[in-house]
């Protein structure tokens, strides 16, 4: 019988056992796709709830306080509520605040 040079079969076998045991133990530490997806969907739902809440910065972008009576809205400098979009007409209409009720009366288009 001829003697093999290098590493014996027993050492190769032990090396493979160590490699696969480490491989499977390390891969079990990685988050599973289902766990990641569940965490991602939970985070997204929470973030959407925060963004849509009344205290969010999203609500401040177009926050204009109405004073009692007529509040004009449009792209003109003379409006109470000035909208800076150049594509908007100079006069969109009026918000009328009476006690706890707000009514919108749109301006004629032509």
PDB file of N, CA and C in Angstrom:
ATOM      1  N   UNK A   1       0.827  -1.174   0.000  1.00  0.00           N
ATOM      2  CA  UNK A   1       0.000   0.000   0.000  1.00  0.00           C
ATOM      3  C   UNK A   1       0.875   1.241   0.000  1.00  0.00           C
ATOM      4  N   UNK A   2       0.446   2.183  -0.821  1.00  0.00           N
ATOM      5  CA  UNK A   2       1.202   3.410  -0.947  1.00  0.00           C
ATOM      6  C   UNK A   2       0.712   4.427   0.080  1.00  0.00           C
ATOM      7  N   UNK A   3       1.622   5.079   0.745  1.00  0.00           N
ATOM      8  CA  UNK A   3       1.278   6.084   1.750  1.00  0.00           C
ATOM      9  C   UNK A   3       0.980   7.403   1.042  1.00  0.00           C
ATOM     10  N   UNK A   4      -0.151   8.047   1.452  1.00  0.00           N
ATOM     11  CA  UNK A   4      -0.519   9.339   0.869  1.00  0.00           C
ATOM     12  C   UNK A   4       0.355  10.428   1.455  1.00  0.00           C
ATOM     13  N   UNK A   5       0.698  11.335   0.594  1.00  0.00           N
ATOM     14  CA  UNK A   5       1.466  12.465   1.093  1.00  0.00           C
ATOM     15  C   UNK A   5       0.505  13.562   1.521  1.00  0.00           C
ATOM     16  N   UNK A   6       0.906  14.402   2.427  1.00  0.00           N
ATOM     17  CA  UNK A   6       0.091  15.532   2.865  1.00  0.00           C
ATOM     18  C   UNK A   6      -0.808  15.163   4.021  1.00  0.00           C
ATOM     19  N   UNK A   7      -1.983  15.747   4.035  1.00  0.00           N
ATOM     20  CA  UNK A   7      -2.928  15.597   5.144  1.00  0.00           C
ATOM     21  C   UNK A   7      -3.647  14.263   5.006  1.00  0.00           C
ATOM     22  N   UNK A   8      -3.797  13.580   6.107  1.00  0.00           N
ATOM     23  CA  UNK A   8      -4.476  12.289   6.089  1.00  0.00           C
ATOM     24  C   UNK A   8      -5.980  12.481   5.959  1.00  0.00           C
ATOM     25  N   UNK A   9      -6.663  11.408   5.585  1.00  0.00           N
ATOM     26  CA  UNK A   9      -8.122  11.456   5.423  1.00  0.00           C
ATOM     27  C   UNK A   9      -8.818  11.816   6.732  1.00  0.00           C
ATOM     28  N   UNK A  10      -8.306  11.348   7.845  1.00  0.00           N
ATOM     29  CA  UNK A  10      -8.901  11.651   9.146  1.00  0.00           C
ATOM     30  C   UNK A  10      -8.870  13.139   9.450  1.00  0.00           C
ATOM     31  N   UNK A  11      -7.752  13.778   9.130  1.00  0.00           N
ATOM     32  CA  UNK A  11      -7.651  15.215   9.374  1.00  0.00           C
ATOM     33  C   UNK A  11      -8.556  15.995   8.423  1.00  0.00           C
ATOM     34  N   UNK A  12      -8.669  15.545   7.186  1.00  0.00           N
ATOM     35  CA  UNK A  12      -9.575  16.206   6.236  1.00  0.00           C
ATOM     36  C   UNK A  12     -11.013  16.110   6.731  1.00  0.00           C
ATOM     37  N   UNK A  13     -11.369  14.919   7.219  1.00  0.00           N
ATOM     38  CA  UNK A  13     -12.723  14.710   7.713  1.00  0.00           C
ATOM     39  C   UNK A  13     -13.005  15.618   8.908  1.00  0.00           C
ATOM     40  N   UNK A  14     -12.078  15.694   9.846  1.00  0.00           N
ATOM     41  CA  UNK A  14     -12.237  16.557  11.023  1.00  0.00           C
ATOM     42  C   UNK A  14     -12.310  18.020  10.592  1.00  0.00           C
ATOM     43  N   UNK A  15     -11.491  18.403   9.616  1.00  0.00           N
ATOM     44  CA  UNK A  15     -11.529  19.776   9.106  1.00  0.00           C
ATOM     45  C   UNK A  15     -12.876  20.115   8.490  1.00  0.00           C
ATOM     46  N   UNK A  16     -13.434  19.162   7.717  1.00  0.00           N
ATOM     47  CA  UNK A  16     -14.759  19.389   7.119  1.00  0.00           C
ATOM     48  C   UNK A  16     -15.841  19.506   8.186  1.00  0.00           C
ATOM     49  N   UNK A  17     -15.753  18.680   9.209  1.00  0.00           N
ATOM     50  CA  UNK A  17     -16.737  18.744  10.297  1.00  0.00           C
ATOM     51  C   UNK A  17     -16.662  20.105  10.989  1.00  0.00           C
ATOM     52  N   UNK A  18     -15.466  20.569  11.275  1.00  0.00           N
ATOM     53  CA  UNK A  18     -15.301  21.878  11.922  1.00  0.00           C
ATOM     54  C   UNK A  18     -15.821  22.988  11.011  1.00  0.00           C
ATOM     55  N   UNK A  19     -15.480  22.919   9.725  1.00  0.00           N
ATOM     56  CA  UNK A  19     -15.927  23.948   8.777  1.00  0.00           C
ATOM     57  C   UNK A  19     -17.453  24.025   8.719  1.00  0.00           C
ATOM     58  N   UNK A  20     -18.107  22.879   8.532  1.00  0.00           N
ATOM     59  CA  UNK A  20     -19.567  22.900   8.405  1.00  0.00           C
ATOM     60  C   UNK A  20     -20.258  23.272   9.719  1.00  0.00           C
ATOM     61  N   UNK A  21     -19.692  22.851  10.853  1.00  0.00           N
ATOM     62  CA  UNK A  21     -20.322  23.242  12.121  1.00  0.00           C
ATOM     63  C   UNK A  21     -20.208  24.749  12.334  1.00  0.00           C
ATOM     64  N   UNK A  22     -19.052  25.331  11.987  1.00  0.00           N
ATOM     65  CA  UNK A  22     -18.923  26.787  12.086  1.00  0.00           C
ATOM     66  C   UNK A  22     -19.844  27.486  11.091  1.00  0.00           C
ATOM     67  N   UNK A  23     -19.906  26.970   9.873  1.00  0.00           N
ATOM     68  CA  UNK A  23     -20.740  27.579   8.834  1.00  0.00           C
ATOM     69  C   UNK A  23     -22.207  27.619   9.259  1.00  0.00           C
ATOM     70  N   UNK A  24     -22.723  26.489   9.730  1.00  0.00           N
ATOM     71  CA  UNK A  24     -24.139  26.446  10.100  1.00  0.00           C
ATOM     72  C   UNK A  24     -24.418  27.238  11.374  1.00  0.00           C
ATOM     73  N   UNK A  25     -23.473  27.287  12.288  1.00  0.00           N
ATOM     74  CA  UNK A  25     -23.668  28.098  13.490  1.00  0.00           C
ATOM     75  C   UNK A  25     -23.647  29.587  13.163  1.00  0.00           C
ATOM     76  N   UNK A  26     -22.764  30.001  12.270  1.00  0.00           N
ATOM     77  CA  UNK A  26     -22.692  31.420  11.913  1.00  0.00           C
ATOM     78  C   UNK A  26     -23.893  31.850  11.079  1.00  0.00           C
ATOM     79  N   UNK A  27     -24.355  30.989  10.177  1.00  0.00           N
ATOM     80  CA  UNK A  27     -25.514  31.371   9.360  1.00  0.00           C
ATOM     81  C   UNK A  27     -26.782  31.440  10.194  1.00  0.00           C
ATOM     82  N   UNK A  28     -26.828  30.724  11.306  1.00  0.00           N
ATOM     83  CA  UNK A  28     -28.020  30.812  12.156  1.00  0.00           C
ATOM     84  C   UNK A  28     -28.087  32.153  12.880  1.00  0.00           C
ATOM     85  N   UNK A  29     -26.964  32.877  12.943  1.00  0.00           N
ATOM     86  CA  UNK A  29     -26.959  34.193  13.580  1.00  0.00           C
ATOM     87  C   UNK A  29     -27.524  35.273  12.672  1.00  0.00           C
ATOM     88  N   UNK A  30     -27.521  35.061  11.366  1.00  0.00           N
ATOM     89  CA  UNK A  30     -28.042  36.055  10.427  1.00  0.00           C
ATOM     90  C   UNK A  30     -29.553  36.119  10.536  1.00  0.00           C
ATOM     91  N   UNK A  31     -30.130  37.291  10.403  1.00  0.00           N
ATOM     92  CA  UNK A  31     -31.597  37.374  10.472  1.00  0.00           C
ATOM     93  C   UNK A  31     -32.230  36.651   9.290  1.00  0.00           C
ATOM     94  N   UNK A  32     -33.297  36.003   9.573  1.00  0.00           N
ATOM     95  CA  UNK A  32     -34.019  35.302   8.513  1.00  0.00           C
ATOM     96  C   UNK A  32     -34.783  36.322   7.680  1.00  0.00           C
ATOM     97  N   UNK A  33     -35.013  36.038   6.397  1.00  0.00           N
ATOM     98  CA  UNK A  33     -35.744  36.995   5.545  1.00  0.00           C
ATOM     99  C   UNK A  33     -37.121  37.348   6.098  1.00  0.00           C
ATOM    100  N   UNK A  34     -37.812  36.383   6.676  1.00  0.00           N
ATOM    101  CA  UNK A  34     -39.146  36.665   7.222  1.00  0.00           C
ATOM    102  C   UNK A  34     -39.063  37.613   8.415  1.00  0.00           C
ATOM    103  N   UNK A  35     -38.036  37.423   9.255  1.00  0.00           N
ATOM    104  CA  UNK A  35     -37.849  38.321  10.398  1.00  0.00           C
ATOM    105  C   UNK A  35     -37.552  39.735   9.914  1.00  0.00           C
ATOM    106  N   UNK A  36     -36.687  39.842   8.917  1.00  0.00           N
ATOM    107  CA  UNK A  36     -36.338  41.157   8.376  1.00  0.00           C
ATOM    108  C   UNK A  36     -37.568  41.831   7.779  1.00  0.00           C
ATOM    109  N   UNK A  37     -38.339  41.084   7.011  1.00  0.00           N
ATOM    110  CA  UNK A  37     -39.528  41.650   6.377  1.00  0.00           C
ATOM    111  C   UNK A  37     -40.536  42.106   7.426  1.00  0.00           C
ATOM    112  N   UNK A  38     -40.709  41.319   8.460  1.00  0.00           N
ATOM    113  CA  UNK A  38     -41.642  41.687   9.532  1.00  0.00           C
ATOM    114  C   UNK A  38     -41.179  42.976  10.219  1.00  0.00           C
ATOM    115  N   UNK A  39     -39.883  43.065  10.514  1.00  0.00           N
ATOM    116  CA  UNK A  39     -39.351  44.281  11.135  1.00  0.00           C
ATOM    117  C   UNK A  39     -39.488  45.483  10.207  1.00  0.00           C
ATOM    118  N   UNK A  40     -39.226  45.284   8.920  1.00  0.00           N
ATOM    119  CA  UNK A  40     -39.323  46.374   7.944  1.00  0.00           C
ATOM    120  C   UNK A  40     -40.759  46.888   7.835  1.00  0.00           C
ATOM    121  N   UNK A  41     -41.721  45.976   7.754  1.00  0.00           N
ATOM    122  CA  UNK A  41     -43.122  46.386   7.645  1.00  0.00           C
ATOM    123  C   UNK A  41     -43.601  47.072   8.920  1.00  0.00           C
ATOM    124  N   UNK A  42     -43.139  46.599  10.068  1.00  0.00           N
ATOM    125  CA  UNK A  42     -43.486  47.247  11.331  1.00  0.00           C
ATOM    126  C   UNK A  42     -42.920  48.657  11.378  1.00  0.00           C
ATOM    127  N   UNK A  43     -41.651  48.814  10.968  1.00  0.00           N
ATOM    128  CA  UNK A  43     -41.029  50.137  10.959  1.00  0.00           C
ATOM    129  C   UNK A  43     -41.761  51.074  10.008  1.00  0.00           C
ATOM    130  N   UNK A  44     -42.111  50.578   8.822  1.00  0.00           N
ATOM    131  CA  UNK A  44     -42.808  51.422   7.841  1.00  0.00           C
ATOM    132  C   UNK A  44     -44.164  51.874   8.361  1.00  0.00           C
ATOM    133  N   UNK A  45     -44.894  50.963   8.997  1.00  0.00           N
ATOM    134  CA  UNK A  45     -46.208  51.329   9.542  1.00  0.00           C
ATOM    135  C   UNK A  45     -46.060  52.385  10.636  1.00  0.00           C
ATOM    136  N   UNK A  46     -45.072  52.211  11.505  1.00  0.00           N
ATOM    137  CA  UNK A  46     -44.829  53.192  12.568  1.00  0.00           C
ATOM    138  C   UNK A  46     -44.422  54.534  11.981  1.00  0.00           C
ATOM    139  N   UNK A  47     -43.567  54.514  10.959  1.00  0.00           N
ATOM    140  CA  UNK A  47     -43.108  55.761  10.326  1.00  0.00           C
ATOM    141  C   UNK A  47     -44.269  56.489   9.654  1.00  0.00           C
ATOM    142  N   UNK A  48     -45.136  55.735   8.968  1.00  0.00           N
ATOM    143  CA  UNK A  48     -46.302  56.354   8.330  1.00  0.00           C
ATOM    144  C   UNK A  48     -47.214  56.992   9.378  1.00  0.00           C
ATOM    145  N   UNK A  49     -47.383  56.305  10.499  1.00  0.00           N
ATOM    146  CA  UNK A  49     -48.205  56.845  11.584  1.00  0.00           C
ATOM    147  C   UNK A  49     -47.605  58.148  12.115  1.00  0.00           C
ATOM    148  N   UNK A  50     -46.277  58.186  12.272  1.00  0.00           N
ATOM    149  CA  UNK A  50     -45.612  59.402  12.749  1.00  0.00           C
ATOM    150  C   UNK A  50     -45.744  60.541  11.748  1.00  0.00           C
ATOM    151  N   UNK A  51     -45.569  60.235  10.469  1.00  0.00           N
ATOM    152  CA  UNK A  51     -45.620  61.276   9.441  1.00  0.00           C
ATOM    153  C   UNK A  51     -47.018  61.876   9.328  1.00  0.00           C
ATOM    154  N   UNK A  52     -48.042  61.048   9.456  1.00  0.00           N
ATOM    155  CA  UNK A  52     -49.413  61.525   9.287  1.00  0.00           C
ATOM    156  C   UNK A  52     -50.024  62.091  10.566  1.00  0.00           C
ATOM    157  N   UNK A  53     -49.281  62.067  11.666  1.00  0.00           N
ATOM    158  CA  UNK A  53     -49.831  62.589  12.916  1.00  0.00           C
ATOM    159  C   UNK A  53     -49.920  64.115  12.867  1.00  0.00           C
ATOM    160  N   UNK A  54     -50.785  64.705  13.665  1.00  0.00           N
ATOM    161  CA  UNK A  54     -50.933  66.166  13.670  1.00  0.00           C
ATOM    162  C   UNK A  54     -49.676  66.912  14.114  1.00  0.00           C
ATOM    163  N   UNK A  55     -48.775  66.253  14.834  1.00  0.00           N
ATOM    164  CA  UNK A  55     -47.557  66.904  15.308  1.00  0.00           C
ATOM    165  C   UNK A  55     -46.394  66.772  14.326  1.00  0.00           C
ATOM    166  N   UNK A  56     -46.628  66.177  13.179  1.00  0.00           N
ATOM    167  CA  UNK A  56     -45.558  65.922  12.209  1.00  0.00           C
ATOM    168  C   UNK A  56     -45.145  67.191  11.476  1.00  0.00           C
ATOM    169  N   UNK A  57     -43.903  67.206  10.984  1.00  0.00           N
ATOM    170  CA  UNK A  57     -43.425  68.331  10.180  1.00  0.00           C
ATOM    171  C   UNK A  57     -44.199  68.433   8.877  1.00  0.00           C
ATOM    172  N   UNK A  58     -44.754  67.339   8.434  1.00  0.00           N
ATOM    173  CA  UNK A  58     -45.515  67.335   7.190  1.00  0.00           C
ATOM    174  C   UNK A  58     -46.714  68.279   7.264  1.00  0.00           C
ATOM    175  N   UNK A  59     -47.309  68.414   8.429  1.00  0.00           N
ATOM    176  CA  UNK A  59     -48.477  69.284   8.569  1.00  0.00           C
ATOM    177  C   UNK A  59     -48.097  70.757   8.645  1.00  0.00           C
ATOM    178  N   UNK A  60     -46.843  71.046   8.950  1.00  0.00           N
ATOM    179  CA  UNK A  60     -46.427  72.441   9.101  1.00  0.00           C
ATOM    180  C   UNK A  60     -46.154  73.097   7.756  1.00  0.00           C
ATOM    181  N   UNK A  61     -45.871  72.331   6.732  1.00  0.00           N
ATOM    182  CA  UNK A  61     -45.516  72.883   5.422  1.00  0.00           C
ATOM    183  C   UNK A  61     -46.605  73.808   4.898  1.00  0.00           C
ATOM    184  N   UNK A  62     -47.850  73.438   5.038  1.00  0.00           N
ATOM    185  CA  UNK A  62     -48.939  74.265   4.535  1.00  0.00           C
ATOM    186  C   UNK A  62     -49.834  74.780   5.637  1.00  0.00           C
ATOM    187  N   UNK A  63     -49.273  75.093   6.774  1.00  0.00           N
ATOM    188  CA  UNK A  63     -50.071  75.532   7.913  1.00  0.00           C
ATOM    189  C   UNK A  63     -50.266  77.041   7.865  1.00  0.00           C
ATOM    190  N   UNK A  64     -51.496  77.449   7.675  1.00  0.00           N
ATOM    191  CA  UNK A  64     -51.848  78.871   7.670  1.00  0.00           C
ATOM    192  C   UNK A  64     -52.970  79.061   8.682  1.00  0.00           C
ATOM    193  N   UNK A  65     -52.789  79.992   9.592  1.00  0.00           N
ATOM    194  CA  UNK A  65     -53.813  80.259  10.588  1.00  0.00           C
ATOM    195  C   UNK A  65     -54.898  81.130   9.965  1.00  0.00           C
ATOM    196  N   UNK A  66     -56.138  80.729  10.161  1.00  0.00           N
ATOM    197  CA  UNK A  66     -57.273  81.502   9.653  1.00  0.00           C
ATOM    198  C   UNK A  66     -57.736  82.473  10.729  1.00  0.00           C
ATOM    199  N   UNK A  67     -58.018  83.686  10.329  1.00  0.00           N
ATOM    200  CA  UNK A  67     -58.607  84.641  11.263  1.00  0.00           C
ATOM    201  C   UNK A  67     -60.119  84.667  11.018  1.00  0.00           C
ATOM    202  N   UNK A  68     -60.904  85.062  11.994  1.00  0.00           N
ATOM    203  CA  UNK A  68     -62.356  85.078  11.817  1.00  0.00           C
ATOM    204  C   UNK A  68     -62.750  85.930  10.616  1.00  0.00           C
ATOM    205  N   UNK A  69     -63.697  85.430   9.861  1.00  0.00           N
ATOM    206  CA  UNK A  69     -64.162  86.140   8.671  1.00  0.00           C
ATOM    207  C   UNK A  69     -63.539  85.581   7.405  1.00  0.00           C
ATOM    208  N   UNK A  70     -63.359  86.454   6.428  1.00  0.00           N
ATOM    209  CA  UNK A  70     -62.896  86.068   5.095  1.00  0.00           C
ATOM    210  C   UNK A  70     -61.368  85.990   5.053  1.00  0.00           C
ATOM    211  N   UNK A  71     -60.831  84.870   4.534  1.00  0.00           N
ATOM    212  CA  UNK A  71     -59.397  84.659   4.344  1.00  0.00           C
ATOM    213  C   UNK A  71     -59.180  84.309   2.876  1.00  0.00           C
ATOM    214  N   UNK A  72     -58.622  85.221   2.113  1.00  0.00           N
ATOM    215  CA  UNK A  72     -58.425  84.975   0.680  1.00  0.00           C
ATOM    216  C   UNK A  72     -57.211  84.072   0.461  1.00  0.00           C
ATOM    217  N   UNK A  73     -57.286  83.248  -0.601  1.00  0.00           N
ATOM    218  CA  UNK A  73     -56.208  82.318  -0.916  1.00  0.00           C
ATOM    219  C   UNK A  73     -55.900  82.388  -2.405  1.00  0.00           C
ATOM    220  N   UNK A  74     -54.613  82.378  -2.730  1.00  0.00           N
ATOM    221  CA  UNK A  74     -54.203  82.416  -4.128  1.00  0.00           C
ATOM    222  C   UNK A  74     -52.724  82.711  -4.272  1.00  0.00           C
ATOM    223  N   UNK A  75     -52.322  83.023  -5.492  1.00  0.00           N
ATOM    224  CA  UNK A  75     -50.920  83.286  -5.781  1.00  0.00           C
ATOM    225  C   UNK A  75     -50.549  84.753  -5.749  1.00  0.00           C
ATOM    226  N   UNK A  76     -51.473  85.607  -5.352  1.00  0.00           N
ATOM    227  CA  UNK A  76     -51.228  87.050  -5.331  1.00  0.00           C
ATOM    228  C   UNK A  76     -50.616  87.480  -4.001  1.00  0.00           C
ATOM    229  N   UNK A  77     -49.863  88.562  -4.032  1.00  0.00           N
ATOM    230  CA  UNK A  77     -49.301  89.110  -2.794  1.00  0.00           C
ATOM    231  C   UNK A  77     -50.371  89.725  -1.904  1.00  0.00           C
ATOM    232  N   UNK A  78     -51.556  89.957  -2.442  1.00  0.00           N
ATOM    233  CA  UNK A  78     -52.639  90.584  -1.684  1.00  0.00           C
ATOM    234  C   UNK A  78     -53.500  89.562  -0.944  1.00  0.00           C
ATOM    235  N   UNK A  79     -53.265  88.272  -1.171  1.00  0.00           N
ATOM    236  CA  UNK A  79     -54.053  87.232  -0.510  1.00  0.00           C
ATOM    237  C   UNK A  79     -53.576  87.016   0.921  1.00  0.00           C
ATOM    238  N   UNK A  80     -54.510  86.637   1.796  1.00  0.00           N
ATOM    239  CA  UNK A  80     -54.148  86.315   3.180  1.00  0.00           C
ATOM    240  C   UNK A  80     -53.286  85.052   3.225  1.00  0.00           C
ATOM    241  N   UNK A  81     -53.634  84.087   2.392  1.00  0.00           N
ATOM    242  CA  UNK A  81     -52.864  82.843   2.288  1.00  0.00           C
ATOM    243  C   UNK A  81     -52.205  82.841   0.921  1.00  0.00           C
ATOM    244  N   UNK A  82     -50.885  83.023   0.915  1.00  0.00           N
ATOM    245  CA  UNK A  82     -50.139  83.129  -0.342  1.00  0.00           C
ATOM    246  C   UNK A  82     -49.550  81.775  -0.704  1.00  0.00           C
ATOM    247  N   UNK A  83     -49.906  81.275  -1.867  1.00  0.00           N
ATOM    248  CA  UNK A  83     -49.340  80.034  -2.377  1.00  0.00           C
ATOM    249  C   UNK A  83     -48.318  80.396  -3.448  1.00  0.00           C
ATOM    250  N   UNK A  84     -47.111  79.885  -3.308  1.00  0.00           N
ATOM    251  CA  UNK A  84     -46.001  80.339  -4.127  1.00  0.00           C
ATOM    252  C   UNK A  84     -45.851  79.608  -5.458  1.00  0.00           C
ATOM    253  N   UNK A  85     -46.787  78.790  -5.823  1.00  0.00           N
ATOM    254  CA  UNK A  85     -46.692  78.070  -7.093  1.00  0.00           C
ATOM    255  C   UNK A  85     -47.025  79.020  -8.240  1.00  0.00           C
ATOM    256  N   UNK A  86     -46.118  79.217  -9.207  1.00  0.00           N
ATOM    257  CA  UNK A  86     -46.375  80.168 -10.295  1.00  0.00           C
ATOM    258  C   UNK A  86     -47.482  79.712 -11.245  1.00  0.00           C
ATOM    259  N   UNK A  87     -47.856  78.453 -11.186  1.00  0.00           N
ATOM    260  CA  UNK A  87     -48.904  77.941 -12.074  1.00  0.00           C
ATOM    261  C   UNK A  87     -50.311  78.197 -11.532  1.00  0.00           C
ATOM    262  N   UNK A  88     -50.411  78.635 -10.297  1.00  0.00           N
ATOM    263  CA  UNK A  88     -51.724  78.887  -9.701  1.00  0.00           C
ATOM    264  C   UNK A  88     -52.249  80.248 -10.129  1.00  0.00           C
ATOM    265  N   UNK A  89     -53.563  80.366 -10.219  1.00  0.00           N
ATOM    266  CA  UNK A  89     -54.121  81.688 -10.524  1.00  0.00           C
ATOM    267  C   UNK A  89     -53.932  82.638  -9.340  1.00  0.00           C
ATOM    268  N   UNK A  90     -54.047  83.917  -9.628  1.00  0.00           N
ATOM    269  CA  UNK A  90     -53.865  84.929  -8.584  1.00  0.00           C
ATOM    270  C   UNK A  90     -54.904  84.772  -7.486  1.00  0.00           C
ATOM    271  N   UNK A  91     -56.095  84.327  -7.825  1.00  0.00           N
ATOM    272  CA  UNK A  91     -57.172  84.191  -6.835  1.00  0.00           C
ATOM    273  C   UNK A  91     -57.799  82.805  -6.964  1.00  0.00           C
ATOM    274  N   UNK A  92     -57.696  81.992  -5.902  1.00  0.00           N
ATOM    275  CA  UNK A  92     -58.328  80.675  -5.886  1.00  0.00           C
ATOM    276  C   UNK A  92     -59.700  80.721  -5.232  1.00  0.00           C
ATOM    277  N   UNK A  93     -59.838  81.562  -4.242  1.00  0.00           N
ATOM    278  CA  UNK A  93     -61.106  81.645  -3.532  1.00  0.00           C
ATOM    279  C   UNK A  93     -60.914  82.221  -2.147  1.00  0.00           C
ATOM    280  N   UNK A  94     -61.901  81.946  -1.287  1.00  0.00           N
ATOM    281  CA  UNK A  94     -61.877  82.471   0.076  1.00  0.00           C
ATOM    282  C   UNK A  94     -62.289  81.382   1.055  1.00  0.00           C
ATOM    283  N   UNK A  95     -61.595  81.341   2.183  1.00  0.00           N
ATOM    284  CA  UNK A  95     -62.033  80.561   3.330  1.00  0.00           C
ATOM    285  C   UNK A  95     -62.753  81.533   4.247  1.00  0.00           C
ATOM    286  N   UNK A  96     -63.919  81.128   4.714  1.00  0.00           N
ATOM    287  CA  UNK A  96     -64.667  81.972   5.641  1.00  0.00           C
ATOM    288  C   UNK A  96     -64.790  81.215   6.960  1.00  0.00           C
ATOM    289  N   UNK A  97     -64.198  81.787   8.001  1.00  0.00           N
ATOM    290  CA  UNK A  97     -64.204  81.176   9.323  1.00  0.00           C
ATOM    291  C   UNK A  97     -65.255  81.865  10.177  1.00  0.00           C
ATOM    292  N   UNK A  98     -66.256  81.098  10.609  1.00  0.00           N
ATOM    293  CA  UNK A  98     -67.287  81.603  11.517  1.00  0.00           C
ATOM    294  C   UNK A  98     -67.378  80.631  12.688  1.00  0.00           C
ATOM    295  N   UNK A  99     -67.039  81.087  13.862  1.00  0.00           N
ATOM    296  CA  UNK A  99     -66.994  80.283  15.090  1.00  0.00           C
ATOM    297  C   UNK A  99     -66.186  79.007  14.858  1.00  0.00           C
ATOM    298  N   UNK A 100     -66.816  77.840  14.795  1.00  0.00           N
ATOM    299  CA  UNK A 100     -66.090  76.580  14.615  1.00  0.00           C
ATOM    300  C   UNK A 100     -66.299  75.983  13.232  1.00  0.00           C
ATOM    301  N   UNK A 101     -66.664  76.798  12.257  1.00  0.00           N
ATOM    302  CA  UNK A 101     -66.972  76.297  10.920  1.00  0.00           C
ATOM    303  C   UNK A 101     -66.154  77.053   9.877  1.00  0.00           C
ATOM    304  N   UNK A 102     -65.600  76.297   8.915  1.00  0.00           N
ATOM    305  CA  UNK A 102     -64.851  76.902   7.814  1.00  0.00           C
ATOM    306  C   UNK A 102     -65.563  76.541   6.516  1.00  0.00           C
ATOM    307  N   UNK A 103     -65.820  77.554   5.702  1.00  0.00           N
ATOM    308  CA  UNK A 103     -66.461  77.366   4.399  1.00  0.00           C
ATOM    309  C   UNK A 103     -65.511  77.872   3.326  1.00  0.00           C
ATOM    310  N   UNK A 104     -65.433  77.148   2.205  1.00  0.00           N
ATOM    311  CA  UNK A 104     -64.599  77.590   1.090  1.00  0.00           C
ATOM    312  C   UNK A 104     -65.499  78.024  -0.056  1.00  0.00           C
ATOM    313  N   UNK A 105     -65.240  79.207  -0.572  1.00  0.00           N
ATOM    314  CA  UNK A 105     -65.957  79.724  -1.745  1.00  0.00           C
ATOM    315  C   UNK A 105     -64.909  79.931  -2.829  1.00  0.00           C
ATOM    316  N   UNK A 106     -65.026  79.149  -3.899  1.00  0.00           N
ATOM    317  CA  UNK A 106     -64.013  79.256  -4.951  1.00  0.00           C
ATOM    318  C   UNK A 106     -64.253  80.476  -5.826  1.00  0.00           C
ATOM    319  N   UNK A 107     -63.177  81.014  -6.343  1.00  0.00           N
ATOM    320  CA  UNK A 107     -63.246  82.180  -7.229  1.00  0.00           C
ATOM    321  C   UNK A 107     -63.669  81.711  -8.621  1.00  0.00           C
ATOM    322  N   UNK A 108     -64.318  82.593  -9.391  1.00  0.00           N
ATOM    323  CA  UNK A 108     -64.664  82.218 -10.770  1.00  0.00           C
ATOM    324  C   UNK A 108     -63.392  81.897 -11.558  1.00  0.00           C
ATOM    325  N   UNK A 109     -63.471  80.879 -12.404  1.00  0.00           N
ATOM    326  CA  UNK A 109     -62.296  80.463 -13.169  1.00  0.00           C
ATOM    327  C   UNK A 109     -61.943  81.446 -14.276  1.00  0.00           C
ATOM    328  N   UNK A 110     -62.931  82.130 -14.811  1.00  0.00           N
ATOM    329  CA  UNK A 110     -62.670  83.042 -15.943  1.00  0.00           C
ATOM    330  C   UNK A 110     -63.092  84.449 -15.607  1.00  0.00           C
TER     331      UNK A 110
END
